[in-house]
Each structure stands twice: as C-alpha cells, then as structure tokens.
Protein backbone atom coordinates (compact mmCIF):
# COMPACT_ATOMS: atom_id res chain seq x y z
CA MET A 1 -44.06 -95.43 -100.32
CA ALA A 2 -46.75 -92.73 -100.24
CA ARG A 3 -44.38 -90.20 -98.70
CA TRP A 4 -41.76 -90.64 -101.44
CA THR A 5 -44.37 -90.62 -104.20
CA LEU A 6 -45.94 -87.43 -102.85
CA THR A 7 -42.51 -85.82 -102.46
CA LEU A 8 -41.30 -86.69 -105.97
CA SER A 9 -44.60 -85.78 -107.60
CA SER A 10 -44.71 -82.42 -105.83
CA ILE A 11 -41.24 -81.58 -107.12
CA TYR A 12 -42.16 -82.75 -110.65
CA LEU A 13 -45.44 -80.82 -110.68
CA ALA A 14 -43.77 -77.67 -109.34
CA ILE A 15 -41.15 -77.81 -112.09
CA VAL A 16 -43.83 -78.30 -114.76
CA GLY A 17 -45.95 -75.50 -113.31
CA LEU A 18 -43.05 -73.05 -113.16
CA ALA A 19 -41.93 -74.04 -116.68
CA LEU A 20 -45.43 -73.41 -118.02
CA MET A 21 -45.55 -70.01 -116.34
CA PHE A 22 -42.03 -68.71 -116.96
CA ALA A 23 -40.55 -70.71 -119.85
CA THR A 24 -43.67 -71.40 -121.89
CA ARG A 25 -42.06 -71.54 -125.34
CA LYS A 26 -39.06 -73.59 -124.22
CA PHE A 27 -41.24 -76.05 -122.31
CA GLY A 28 -43.52 -76.44 -125.31
CA VAL A 29 -40.78 -77.00 -127.92
CA GLY A 30 -42.19 -79.20 -130.63
CA ALA A 31 -45.75 -78.69 -129.39
CA VAL A 32 -46.17 -74.92 -129.34
CA PRO A 33 -45.74 -73.29 -132.75
CA GLU A 34 -43.07 -70.63 -133.17
CA ASP A 35 -45.75 -68.13 -134.16
CA ALA A 36 -48.08 -69.07 -131.27
CA SER A 37 -50.72 -66.48 -130.47
CA THR A 38 -50.42 -64.49 -127.28
CA GLU A 39 -53.74 -66.04 -126.23
CA LEU A 40 -52.33 -69.58 -126.50
CA LEU A 41 -49.24 -68.62 -124.51
CA ALA A 42 -51.41 -66.94 -121.88
CA LEU A 43 -53.54 -70.09 -121.60
CA LEU A 44 -50.46 -72.27 -121.14
CA ARG A 45 -49.14 -69.88 -118.46
CA LEU A 46 -52.52 -70.02 -116.75
CA LEU A 47 -52.32 -73.83 -116.57
CA GLY A 48 -49.14 -73.54 -114.52
CA GLY A 49 -51.14 -72.33 -111.52
CA PRO A 50 -53.07 -75.57 -110.91
CA PHE A 51 -49.84 -77.54 -111.28
CA LEU A 52 -48.30 -75.46 -108.51
CA GLY A 53 -51.41 -75.89 -106.38
CA ILE A 54 -51.35 -79.68 -106.68
CA ALA A 55 -47.60 -79.64 -106.02
CA ALA A 56 -48.26 -77.74 -102.78
CA LEU A 57 -51.08 -80.11 -101.82
CA ASN A 58 -48.86 -83.15 -102.37
CA TRP A 59 -45.98 -81.59 -100.46
CA LEU A 60 -48.17 -80.73 -97.49
CA SER A 61 -49.84 -84.18 -97.50
CA ARG A 62 -46.58 -86.11 -97.13
CA GLY A 63 -46.95 -86.56 -93.38
CA GLY A 64 -50.70 -87.02 -93.37
CA GLY A 65 -52.81 -90.10 -92.87
CA GLY A 66 -56.32 -91.43 -92.72
CA ASP A 67 -59.11 -90.34 -95.03
CA TRP A 68 -57.30 -87.14 -95.99
CA LEU A 69 -54.29 -88.99 -97.36
CA ARG A 70 -56.53 -91.55 -99.05
CA THR A 71 -58.34 -88.74 -100.87
CA VAL A 72 -55.08 -87.16 -102.05
CA LEU A 73 -53.70 -90.52 -103.23
CA ILE A 74 -56.89 -91.32 -105.17
CA ALA A 75 -56.93 -87.87 -106.82
CA ASN A 76 -53.29 -88.23 -107.87
CA ALA A 77 -53.80 -91.79 -109.17
CA VAL A 78 -56.76 -90.61 -111.26
CA GLY A 79 -54.96 -87.48 -112.49
CA PHE A 80 -51.70 -89.15 -113.44
CA GLY A 81 -53.62 -92.13 -114.86
CA ALA A 82 -55.69 -89.87 -117.12
CA VAL A 83 -52.61 -88.02 -118.32
CA ALA A 84 -50.79 -91.31 -118.95
CA LEU A 85 -53.73 -92.55 -121.05
CA ASN A 86 -53.59 -89.33 -123.04
CA ASP A 87 -49.85 -89.87 -123.54
CA VAL A 88 -50.49 -93.44 -124.73
CA GLN A 89 -53.03 -92.22 -127.26
CA GLY A 90 -50.68 -89.51 -128.53
CA VAL A 91 -47.69 -91.83 -128.82
CA LEU A 92 -49.59 -94.68 -130.48
CA SER A 93 -51.34 -92.39 -132.96
CA GLY A 94 -48.10 -90.57 -133.80
CA GLU A 95 -49.72 -87.22 -133.00
CA ALA A 96 -47.46 -86.49 -130.02
CA ARG A 97 -43.95 -85.12 -130.14
CA GLU A 98 -41.03 -87.47 -129.45
CA LEU A 99 -40.67 -86.18 -125.89
CA ALA A 100 -44.14 -87.58 -125.15
CA ARG A 101 -42.57 -91.03 -124.76
CA VAL A 102 -40.57 -89.74 -121.79
CA PHE A 103 -43.63 -88.08 -120.29
CA LEU A 104 -45.57 -91.32 -120.80
CA VAL A 105 -43.06 -93.23 -118.68
CA VAL A 106 -43.05 -90.54 -115.97
CA HIS A 107 -46.84 -90.19 -115.82
CA LEU A 108 -47.45 -93.94 -115.91
CA GLY A 109 -44.83 -94.39 -113.18
CA PHE A 110 -46.57 -91.87 -110.95
CA ALA A 111 -50.01 -93.40 -111.65
CA LEU A 112 -48.73 -96.86 -110.71
CA ALA A 113 -46.91 -95.55 -107.64
CA PHE A 114 -50.02 -93.78 -106.36
CA GLY A 115 -52.07 -96.91 -107.05
CA ALA A 116 -49.55 -99.05 -105.18
CA SER A 117 -49.58 -96.58 -102.29
CA LEU A 118 -53.35 -97.00 -102.08
CA LEU A 119 -53.09 -100.79 -102.13
CA ARG A 120 -50.41 -100.80 -99.44
CA ARG A 121 -52.76 -98.81 -97.22
CA ARG A 122 -55.51 -101.38 -97.91
CA VAL A 123 -57.87 -98.68 -99.11
C-alpha cells in the first residue's frame, strides 16, 4: 500500500507544484484575485518548489524500507492531515472556494492512506 500511496502522491504533488509555478492564475481560479499583485503571484510560484521537492522525495522512497520509509510516511501523514484539516475548516466556514471540497477529499484520502500504510507496517 505504501508504494502506491507514495507513487500517487508524488504525481499529485508534482502536478500541483508545476501548476503553481507555471499556471499560477489558472490554478488559483476563485482564490487568486484577477488583479493579484506580482508579489502574490511570485509567492505562489515560489511555493511550487517545495511541492516538487516532496514529490521527488516520495517518488524516490517508493522502494525503500525501514526507518527511512517510516519517516517519509509519518511526514506525509502529518502534512496531508494538516492540509485536510485546513480544508475542513475552509469548507465548514464557507470561506473556501467550491473546489475546496474536491481538495478536501483528495487530501483526506492521502492522509488516511499514509496512516494506513504506517499501521500496516506496525510502526
């Protein structure tokens, strides 16, 4: 299960990272104002880099094991869990755009999958 979760999450994170860097306005439709400052757009582009880095880490960890894999699984469970909680808050408060409901399902799914991968490894 860990291998598939790492593979799918690396693809997802790479797509998000590339979208933030190269299609910032389109990716942020409904969240980024039409008249967004160049500073805001630059910040969003900058955030694409860590997404690509985590995507690479997950991709390269697919065949790993032991403490290294445990560390990567925990980090992903915490990261996706935190983002899912943020999505829940945004959806329940009505502050998030409609697309946030889709992201909530995706992020919660990854958080649960990483948690299940940890449990299956008896960590």
